[in-house]
N, C-alpha and C. Protein backbone atom coordinates (compact mmCIF):
# COMPACT_ATOMS: atom_id res chain seq x y z
N UNK A 1 45.45 93.03 68.10
CA UNK A 1 45.26 91.77 67.54
C UNK A 1 43.65 91.60 67.88
N UNK A 2 42.94 91.21 66.92
CA UNK A 2 41.85 90.71 67.54
C UNK A 2 41.84 88.96 67.65
N UNK A 3 41.01 88.54 68.41
CA UNK A 3 40.86 87.53 68.84
C UNK A 3 40.89 86.34 67.78
N UNK A 4 39.89 86.67 66.60
CA UNK A 4 39.91 85.88 65.14
C UNK A 4 41.07 85.74 64.52
N UNK A 5 41.95 86.64 64.84
CA UNK A 5 43.28 86.43 64.06
C UNK A 5 44.55 86.05 65.32
N UNK A 6 44.24 85.47 66.44
CA UNK A 6 45.21 85.28 67.51
C UNK A 6 45.34 83.57 67.40
N UNK A 7 46.70 83.12 67.32
CA UNK A 7 46.55 81.71 67.29
C UNK A 7 47.51 81.33 68.44
N UNK A 8 46.56 80.68 69.61
CA UNK A 8 47.27 80.16 70.93
C UNK A 8 48.09 79.15 70.90
N UNK A 9 48.52 78.49 69.60
CA UNK A 9 49.36 77.41 69.40
C UNK A 9 50.58 77.82 68.53
N UNK A 10 51.77 77.29 69.44
CA UNK A 10 53.04 77.29 68.98
C UNK A 10 53.82 76.36 68.93
N UNK A 11 54.27 75.58 67.61
CA UNK A 11 55.06 74.47 67.52
C UNK A 11 56.53 74.60 67.39
N UNK A 12 57.25 74.43 68.60
CA UNK A 12 58.79 74.88 68.96
C UNK A 12 59.74 74.57 67.61
N UNK A 13 59.22 73.61 66.95
CA UNK A 13 60.13 73.33 65.51
C UNK A 13 59.70 74.15 64.42
N UNK A 14 58.75 74.86 64.71
CA UNK A 14 58.21 75.96 63.43
C UNK A 14 58.75 77.44 63.91
N UNK A 15 59.06 77.59 65.42
CA UNK A 15 59.54 78.73 65.59
C UNK A 15 60.47 79.34 65.01
N UNK A 16 60.97 80.69 64.71
CA UNK A 16 62.30 81.05 64.14
C UNK A 16 62.93 81.56 65.05
N UNK A 17 64.26 81.02 65.05
CA UNK A 17 65.27 81.56 66.30
C UNK A 17 66.16 82.28 65.79
N UNK A 18 66.49 83.13 67.04
CA UNK A 18 67.33 84.76 66.68
C UNK A 18 68.45 83.92 67.41
N UNK A 19 69.82 84.52 66.95
CA UNK A 19 71.04 84.30 67.15
C UNK A 19 71.19 85.40 68.27
N UNK A 20 71.90 84.80 69.52
CA UNK A 20 72.02 85.74 70.63
C UNK A 20 73.21 85.75 71.05
N UNK A 21 73.93 86.47 72.00
CA UNK A 21 74.95 86.02 72.76
C UNK A 21 76.09 85.31 71.75
N UNK A 22 76.57 85.74 70.87
CA UNK A 22 77.31 85.28 69.96
C UNK A 22 78.93 85.90 69.99
N UNK A 23 79.21 85.68 71.47
CA UNK A 23 80.73 86.01 71.63
C UNK A 23 81.36 85.08 72.31
N UNK A 24 82.61 84.51 71.92
CA UNK A 24 83.29 83.70 72.71
C UNK A 24 82.36 82.39 73.15
N UNK A 25 82.15 81.94 74.18
CA UNK A 25 81.51 80.56 74.58
C UNK A 25 79.89 80.85 74.94
N UNK A 26 79.66 82.30 74.72
CA UNK A 26 78.44 83.01 74.81
C UNK A 26 77.86 82.80 73.51
N UNK A 27 76.76 81.97 73.26
CA UNK A 27 76.18 81.77 71.94
C UNK A 27 74.94 80.82 72.21
N UNK A 28 73.97 81.26 71.94
CA UNK A 28 72.34 80.74 71.82
C UNK A 28 71.58 81.09 70.61
N UNK A 29 70.62 80.24 70.43
CA UNK A 29 69.46 80.51 69.63
C UNK A 29 68.33 80.59 70.09
N UNK A 30 67.24 81.84 70.06
CA UNK A 30 66.02 81.85 71.09
C UNK A 30 64.86 82.18 70.39
N UNK A 31 63.86 81.69 70.78
CA UNK A 31 62.56 82.03 70.22
C UNK A 31 61.85 82.65 71.29
N UNK A 32 61.42 83.74 71.43
CA UNK A 32 60.61 84.46 72.52
C UNK A 32 59.34 84.24 72.29
N UNK A 33 58.72 82.99 73.06
CA UNK A 33 57.79 81.98 73.01
C UNK A 33 56.60 83.01 73.75
N UNK A 34 56.71 83.64 74.84
CA UNK A 34 55.87 84.66 75.41
C UNK A 34 55.20 85.60 74.47
N UNK A 35 56.36 86.41 73.75
CA UNK A 35 55.89 87.70 73.19
C UNK A 35 55.08 86.87 71.96
N UNK A 36 55.63 85.77 71.33
CA UNK A 36 54.78 85.10 70.11
C UNK A 36 53.45 84.82 70.61
N UNK A 37 53.11 84.58 71.97
CA UNK A 37 51.82 84.30 72.37
C UNK A 37 51.00 85.11 72.92
N UNK A 38 51.64 86.41 72.70
CA UNK A 38 51.27 87.24 73.55
C UNK A 38 50.84 87.83 74.70
N UNK A 39 51.92 87.01 75.69
CA UNK A 39 51.35 87.12 77.36
C UNK A 39 51.96 88.17 77.88
N UNK A 40 51.35 88.69 78.62
CA UNK A 40 51.47 89.80 79.12
C UNK A 40 52.29 90.21 80.44
N UNK A 41 52.42 88.96 81.41
CA UNK A 41 52.83 89.04 82.64
C UNK A 41 53.53 87.34 83.18
N UNK A 42 53.73 86.68 81.69
CA UNK A 42 54.34 85.35 82.03
C UNK A 42 55.43 85.19 80.58
N UNK A 43 56.78 85.59 81.07
CA UNK A 43 57.96 85.31 80.21
C UNK A 43 58.21 83.86 79.75
N UNK A 44 58.48 83.70 78.86
CA UNK A 44 58.77 82.22 77.93
C UNK A 44 59.70 82.59 77.00
N UNK A 45 60.80 81.65 77.03
CA UNK A 45 61.75 81.74 75.68
C UNK A 45 62.11 80.09 75.48
N UNK A 46 62.57 80.00 74.15
CA UNK A 46 62.69 78.66 74.14
C UNK A 46 64.39 78.90 73.42
N UNK A 47 65.25 78.18 74.16
CA UNK A 47 66.66 78.27 73.80
C UNK A 47 67.31 76.91 73.34
N UNK A 48 68.29 77.11 72.56
CA UNK A 48 69.02 76.10 72.00
C UNK A 48 70.50 76.47 72.18
N UNK A 49 71.55 76.02 73.04
CA UNK A 49 73.05 76.08 73.10
C UNK A 49 73.73 74.83 72.30
N UNK A 50 74.49 75.10 71.83
CA UNK A 50 75.72 74.09 71.23
C UNK A 50 76.41 73.36 72.41
N UNK A 51 76.91 72.34 71.97
CA UNK A 51 77.98 71.89 72.95
C UNK A 51 79.05 72.74 73.29
N UNK A 52 79.34 72.94 74.57
CA UNK A 52 80.54 73.91 75.06
C UNK A 52 80.30 75.02 75.12
N UNK A 53 78.91 75.51 75.11
CA UNK A 53 78.60 76.73 75.19
C UNK A 53 77.51 77.21 76.29
N UNK A 54 77.31 78.27 76.21
CA UNK A 54 76.38 78.72 77.24
C UNK A 54 75.42 80.18 76.90
N UNK A 55 74.52 80.26 77.47
CA UNK A 55 73.40 81.32 76.56
C UNK A 55 73.80 82.76 77.32
N UNK A 56 74.34 82.80 78.61
CA UNK A 56 74.42 84.01 79.10
C UNK A 56 75.31 83.85 80.54
N UNK A 57 75.92 84.87 80.98
CA UNK A 57 76.65 85.00 82.15
C UNK A 57 75.96 84.33 83.51
N UNK A 58 77.00 84.20 84.33
CA UNK A 58 76.49 83.63 85.52
C UNK A 58 75.71 84.78 86.25
N UNK A 59 74.34 84.90 86.46
CA UNK A 59 73.47 86.23 86.84
C UNK A 59 72.46 85.44 87.98
N UNK A 60 71.65 87.05 88.38
CA UNK A 60 70.62 86.66 89.18
C UNK A 60 69.60 87.97 89.19
N UNK A 61 68.50 87.71 89.04
CA UNK A 61 67.44 88.42 89.01
C UNK A 61 67.22 88.89 90.32
N UNK A 62 66.66 90.60 90.43
CA UNK A 62 66.13 91.09 91.74
C UNK A 62 64.80 90.99 91.48
N UNK A 63 64.15 90.94 90.58
CA UNK A 63 62.78 91.29 90.14
C UNK A 63 61.97 90.34 89.72
N UNK A 64 62.45 89.11 89.16
CA UNK A 64 62.04 88.39 88.38
C UNK A 64 62.58 86.84 88.80
N UNK A 65 61.47 85.87 88.85
CA UNK A 65 61.99 84.52 89.06
C UNK A 65 61.96 83.80 87.61
N UNK A 66 62.72 82.92 87.77
CA UNK A 66 62.93 82.07 86.51
C UNK A 66 62.78 80.71 86.90
N UNK A 67 62.15 79.73 85.90
CA UNK A 67 61.95 78.29 86.20
C UNK A 67 62.39 77.68 84.56
N UNK A 68 63.35 76.83 84.78
CA UNK A 68 64.09 76.46 83.25
C UNK A 68 63.70 75.01 83.14
N UNK A 69 63.22 74.62 82.17
CA UNK A 69 62.82 73.54 81.76
C UNK A 69 63.64 72.53 80.91
N UNK A 70 64.39 71.54 81.52
CA UNK A 70 65.20 71.19 80.40
C UNK A 70 64.52 69.90 79.47
N UNK A 71 64.44 70.18 77.79
CA UNK A 71 63.77 69.37 77.13
C UNK A 71 64.58 68.18 76.42
N UNK A 72 65.82 68.46 76.18
CA UNK A 72 66.98 67.55 75.46
C UNK A 72 68.06 67.99 75.65
N UNK A 73 69.10 67.07 75.97
CA UNK A 73 70.54 67.47 76.24
C UNK A 73 71.07 67.05 77.62
N UNK A 74 72.20 67.83 77.94
CA UNK A 74 72.65 67.63 79.39
C UNK A 74 73.52 69.10 79.66
N UNK A 75 73.95 69.28 80.89
CA UNK A 75 74.54 70.46 81.03
C UNK A 75 74.99 70.14 82.45
N UNK A 76 75.93 71.90 82.85
CA UNK A 76 76.21 71.81 84.43
C UNK A 76 75.19 72.95 84.77
N UNK A 77 74.43 73.29 85.86
CA UNK A 77 73.67 74.33 86.60
C UNK A 77 74.28 74.82 87.35
N UNK A 78 75.18 75.96 87.00
CA UNK A 78 75.65 76.84 88.31
C UNK A 78 74.79 77.71 88.97
N UNK A 79 74.85 77.11 90.21
CA UNK A 79 73.67 77.65 91.21
C UNK A 79 74.52 78.52 92.31
N UNK A 80 74.58 79.53 92.46
CA UNK A 80 75.24 80.14 93.77
C UNK A 80 76.68 79.65 93.47
N UNK A 81 77.09 78.79 94.75
CA UNK A 81 78.51 78.32 94.27
C UNK A 81 78.75 76.95 94.18
N UNK A 82 77.56 76.33 93.94
CA UNK A 82 77.53 75.07 93.76
C UNK A 82 77.06 74.64 92.19
N UNK A 83 77.52 73.38 91.79
CA UNK A 83 77.06 72.82 90.33
C UNK A 83 76.35 71.64 90.55
N UNK A 84 75.13 71.62 89.52
CA UNK A 84 74.44 70.55 89.35
C UNK A 84 74.56 69.93 87.83
N UNK A 85 74.34 68.59 87.92
CA UNK A 85 74.54 67.97 86.69
C UNK A 85 73.17 67.92 86.41
N UNK A 86 72.58 68.42 85.01
CA UNK A 86 71.33 68.41 84.50
C UNK A 86 71.23 67.65 83.43
N UNK A 87 69.96 67.24 82.80
CA UNK A 87 69.61 66.58 81.51
C UNK A 87 68.11 66.68 81.19
N UNK A 88 67.83 66.25 80.14
CA UNK A 88 66.61 66.61 79.80
C UNK A 88 65.50 65.75 80.76
N UNK A 89 64.26 66.80 80.88
CA UNK A 89 63.30 66.12 81.92
C UNK A 89 63.46 66.65 83.31
N UNK A 90 64.82 67.56 83.48
CA UNK A 90 64.75 68.07 84.79
C UNK A 90 64.26 69.68 84.74
N UNK A 91 63.82 70.10 85.78
CA UNK A 91 63.38 71.43 85.93
C UNK A 91 63.90 72.17 87.07
N UNK A 92 64.61 73.62 86.85
CA UNK A 92 65.51 74.12 87.57
C UNK A 92 65.00 75.56 88.05
N UNK A 93 64.78 75.84 89.19
CA UNK A 93 64.74 76.92 89.97
C UNK A 93 65.64 78.18 89.67
N UNK A 94 65.33 79.28 89.79
CA UNK A 94 66.31 80.35 89.80
C UNK A 94 65.42 81.59 90.49
N UNK A 95 65.02 81.58 91.81
CA UNK A 95 64.45 82.78 92.41
C UNK A 95 65.18 84.12 92.44
N UNK A 96 64.26 85.06 92.57
CA UNK A 96 65.24 86.61 93.09
C UNK A 96 65.78 86.36 94.13
N UNK A 97 66.98 87.21 94.38
CA UNK A 97 67.85 87.14 95.36
C UNK A 97 68.85 87.88 95.05
N UNK A 98 70.15 87.54 96.01
CA UNK A 98 71.49 87.79 95.76
C UNK A 98 72.33 87.10 95.23
N UNK A 99 73.88 87.24 95.38
CA UNK A 99 74.58 86.51 94.55
C UNK A 99 74.61 84.82 94.91
N UNK A 100 73.92 84.43 96.25
CA UNK A 100 73.85 83.11 96.26
C UNK A 100 72.96 82.13 95.23
N UNK A 101 71.70 83.39 94.99
CA UNK A 101 71.14 82.73 93.74
C UNK A 101 71.27 83.06 92.36
N UNK A 102 72.39 83.40 91.88
CA UNK A 102 72.91 83.43 90.65
C UNK A 102 73.21 81.96 89.72
N UNK A 103 72.61 82.21 88.79
CA UNK A 103 72.71 80.78 87.77
C UNK A 103 73.01 81.18 86.28
N UNK A 104 73.29 79.92 86.00
CA UNK A 104 73.97 79.68 84.74
C UNK A 104 74.04 78.19 84.10
N UNK A 105 73.54 78.11 82.80
CA UNK A 105 73.54 76.90 82.42
C UNK A 105 74.39 76.49 81.21
N UNK A 106 75.16 75.21 81.39
CA UNK A 106 76.43 75.43 80.32
C UNK A 106 76.17 73.97 79.31
N UNK A 107 76.19 74.10 78.59
CA UNK A 107 75.92 72.45 77.51
C UNK A 107 77.33 72.08 77.86
N UNK A 108 77.37 70.71 78.88
CA UNK A 108 78.63 70.13 78.74
C UNK A 108 78.50 68.78 77.95
N UNK A 109 77.44 68.68 77.56
CA UNK A 109 77.08 67.26 76.61
C UNK A 109 77.56 67.49 75.36
N UNK A 110 77.13 66.26 74.44
CA UNK A 110 77.47 66.20 72.90
C UNK A 110 76.65 66.65 71.86
N UNK A 111 75.56 66.86 72.56
CA UNK A 111 74.38 67.41 71.75
C UNK A 111 73.73 68.74 72.25
N UNK A 112 72.91 69.32 71.14
CA UNK A 112 72.57 70.56 71.39
C UNK A 112 71.33 70.47 72.69
N UNK A 113 71.76 71.35 73.40
CA UNK A 113 70.89 71.39 74.87
C UNK A 113 69.69 72.50 74.47
N UNK A 114 68.49 72.00 74.70
CA UNK A 114 67.27 72.51 74.35
C UNK A 114 66.36 72.88 75.67
N UNK A 115 66.07 73.84 75.85
CA UNK A 115 65.10 74.00 77.38
C UNK A 115 64.36 75.26 76.80
N UNK A 116 63.36 75.21 77.99
CA UNK A 116 62.56 76.57 78.18
C UNK A 116 62.86 77.18 79.43
N UNK A 117 62.75 78.51 79.16
CA UNK A 117 62.96 79.40 80.17
C UNK A 117 61.43 80.55 80.54
N UNK A 118 61.05 80.14 81.70
CA UNK A 118 59.53 80.82 82.39
C UNK A 118 60.09 81.90 83.31
N UNK A 119 59.43 82.80 83.14
CA UNK A 119 59.74 83.83 84.07
C UNK A 119 58.62 85.11 84.09
N UNK A 120 58.55 85.40 85.72
CA UNK A 120 57.56 86.58 86.06
C UNK A 120 58.25 87.79 85.30
N UNK A 121 57.52 88.41 84.67
CA UNK A 121 57.46 89.49 84.05
C UNK A 121 57.56 91.01 84.88
N UNK A 122 58.56 91.29 85.09
CA UNK A 122 58.44 92.58 86.29
C UNK A 122 58.53 93.71 85.24
N UNK A 123 57.71 94.89 85.38
CA UNK A 123 58.12 96.22 84.95
C UNK A 123 59.45 96.75 84.97
N UNK A 124 60.41 96.41 86.02
CA UNK A 124 61.71 96.87 86.19
C UNK A 124 62.40 95.64 86.53
N UNK A 125 63.37 95.51 86.00
CA UNK A 125 64.20 94.34 86.90
C UNK A 125 65.79 94.95 87.07
N UNK A 126 66.18 94.44 87.94
CA UNK A 126 67.91 94.45 88.10
C UNK A 126 68.66 93.30 88.41
N UNK A 127 69.42 93.05 87.30
CA UNK A 127 70.28 91.89 87.23
C UNK A 127 71.92 92.06 87.43
N UNK A 128 72.27 90.99 88.53
CA UNK A 128 73.54 91.47 89.09
C UNK A 128 74.41 89.92 88.51
N UNK A 129 75.70 90.34 88.26
CA UNK A 129 76.41 89.47 87.55
C UNK A 129 77.77 89.42 88.54
N UNK A 130 77.67 88.48 89.34
CA UNK A 130 78.76 88.27 90.14
C UNK A 130 80.14 87.73 89.70
N UNK A 131 80.24 87.14 88.98
CA UNK A 131 81.51 86.84 87.94
C UNK A 131 82.52 88.17 87.74
N UNK A 132 81.47 89.09 86.86
CA UNK A 132 82.09 90.32 86.52
C UNK A 132 81.97 91.60 87.31
N UNK A 133 81.15 91.60 88.33
CA UNK A 133 81.02 92.88 89.16
C UNK A 133 80.36 93.60 88.65
N UNK A 134 79.28 93.44 87.66
CA UNK A 134 78.49 94.46 86.82
C UNK A 134 76.90 94.35 87.22
N UNK A 135 76.23 95.14 87.24
CA UNK A 135 74.39 95.22 87.31
C UNK A 135 74.02 95.67 86.17
N UNK A 136 72.75 95.25 85.98
CA UNK A 136 71.89 95.84 84.72
C UNK A 136 70.50 96.38 85.07
N UNK A 137 70.23 97.52 84.98
CA UNK A 137 68.66 97.75 85.12
C UNK A 137 67.83 98.11 84.06
N UNK A 138 66.81 97.36 83.97
CA UNK A 138 66.15 97.54 82.76
C UNK A 138 64.60 97.73 83.06
N UNK A 139 63.92 98.22 81.96
CA UNK A 139 62.27 98.02 82.30
C UNK A 139 61.68 97.40 80.93
N UNK A 140 60.84 96.96 81.12
CA UNK A 140 60.13 96.01 80.44
C UNK A 140 60.11 96.77 78.70
N UNK A 141 60.22 95.95 77.80
CA UNK A 141 60.23 96.32 76.55
C UNK A 141 58.98 96.87 75.73
N UNK A 142 59.14 98.17 74.97
CA UNK A 142 58.05 98.71 74.27
C UNK A 142 57.00 97.69 73.62
N UNK A 143 55.99 97.52 73.87
CA UNK A 143 55.40 96.52 73.47
C UNK A 143 55.44 96.18 71.94
N UNK A 144 55.66 94.99 71.50
CA UNK A 144 55.69 94.54 70.10
C UNK A 144 57.04 94.97 69.54
N UNK A 145 58.12 94.91 70.55
CA UNK A 145 59.69 95.34 70.15
C UNK A 145 60.30 94.71 71.17
N UNK A 146 61.60 94.72 70.62
CA UNK A 146 62.68 94.12 71.53
C UNK A 146 63.21 95.13 72.44
N UNK A 147 63.02 96.34 72.20
CA UNK A 147 63.72 97.58 72.50
C UNK A 147 63.24 98.12 74.19
N UNK A 148 64.14 98.28 74.95
CA UNK A 148 63.97 98.47 76.31
C UNK A 148 63.67 100.09 76.55
N UNK A 149 62.40 100.52 77.07
CA UNK A 149 62.38 101.69 77.56
C UNK A 149 63.55 102.35 78.34
N UNK A 150 64.34 101.79 79.19
CA UNK A 150 65.51 102.10 80.08
C UNK A 150 66.40 100.88 80.24
N UNK A 151 67.93 100.99 79.83
CA UNK A 151 68.60 99.61 79.82
C UNK A 151 70.00 99.99 80.07
N UNK A 152 70.48 99.87 81.55
CA UNK A 152 71.85 100.50 81.73
C UNK A 152 72.49 99.21 82.41
N UNK A 153 73.88 99.14 81.83
CA UNK A 153 74.61 98.27 82.59
C UNK A 153 76.03 99.05 82.98
N UNK A 154 76.75 98.81 84.33
CA UNK A 154 77.14 99.34 85.14
C UNK A 154 77.56 98.34 85.93
N UNK A 155 78.50 99.16 86.74
CA UNK A 155 79.12 98.85 87.97
C UNK A 155 79.27 99.68 89.27
N UNK A 156 78.90 99.27 90.40
CA UNK A 156 78.48 99.96 91.66
C UNK A 156 79.99 101.05 91.85
N UNK A 157 80.91 100.91 91.57
CA UNK A 157 81.87 101.66 91.81
C UNK A 157 82.10 102.97 90.86
N UNK A 158 81.13 102.76 89.76
CA UNK A 158 80.92 103.66 89.07
C UNK A 158 79.58 104.75 89.50
N UNK A 159 79.52 104.59 90.45
CA UNK A 159 77.86 105.08 90.96
C UNK A 159 78.10 107.00 90.91
N UNK A 160 77.23 107.65 90.66
CA UNK A 160 76.94 108.79 90.92
C UNK A 160 76.51 109.31 92.18
N UNK A 161 76.61 110.48 92.75
CA UNK A 161 76.12 110.91 93.89
C UNK A 161 74.64 111.50 93.56
N UNK A 162 73.50 111.22 94.35
CA UNK A 162 72.16 111.35 94.00
C UNK A 162 71.87 112.82 93.27
N UNK A 163 72.68 113.97 94.05
CA UNK A 163 72.33 115.27 93.54
C UNK A 163 73.43 115.72 92.29
N UNK A 164 74.27 114.66 91.69
CA UNK A 164 74.90 115.13 90.49
C UNK A 164 74.28 115.40 89.59
N UNK A 165 74.91 116.68 89.00
CA UNK A 165 74.36 117.44 87.64
C UNK A 165 72.81 117.91 87.93
N UNK A 166 72.53 118.12 89.50
CA UNK A 166 71.22 118.83 89.67
C UNK A 166 71.40 120.27 90.16
N UNK A 167 70.75 120.95 89.61
CA UNK A 167 70.83 122.66 90.18
C UNK A 167 70.27 122.63 91.65
N UNK A 168 71.36 122.77 92.38
CA UNK A 168 70.89 122.58 93.89
C UNK A 168 70.65 123.94 94.80
N UNK A 169 71.05 124.99 93.47
CA UNK A 169 70.89 126.21 94.22
C UNK A 169 71.82 126.95 94.77
N UNK A 170 72.98 126.37 94.85
CA UNK A 170 74.40 126.76 95.48
C UNK A 170 74.83 128.04 94.94
N UNK A 171 74.91 129.21 95.57
CA UNK A 171 75.39 130.19 94.90
C UNK A 171 77.09 130.47 95.17
N UNK A 172 77.63 129.71 95.58
CA UNK A 172 79.12 129.61 95.77
C UNK A 172 80.02 130.17 94.68
């Protein structure tokens, strides 16, 4: 896209929201602000979560820092083994790390929780989910799409041997 056709301004109230995480108490509506603004190294999404819901499981990234800016509403911010009450105007950190840095934002209020999530954009990320014992390995989506080049969700106990399936030249 040429600069003449590029709009560097997005009014959040005009952003089309996609329904995501629509099972049980996992439900959110998101606009991928970073993609809309064609940012290449900074991720940003705008998220709305109804009362009693959460956008995602308790998780921690190993390749991307995240920062959440609460615009309105209130909730519980699970971080590691602690829970913090948060509301509009609060800024939350979620640095890379292990389970002690796992985080999840839950709408405990009576109105829609609205927030921005900023992230560094790693080409490869590993995301760990301590509550369920799973992990995800993913690569950055193909430019202009939501499709990852590689995305795998599994558990450590299902790990394969390094040479599994390889022709190792064993003539037994």
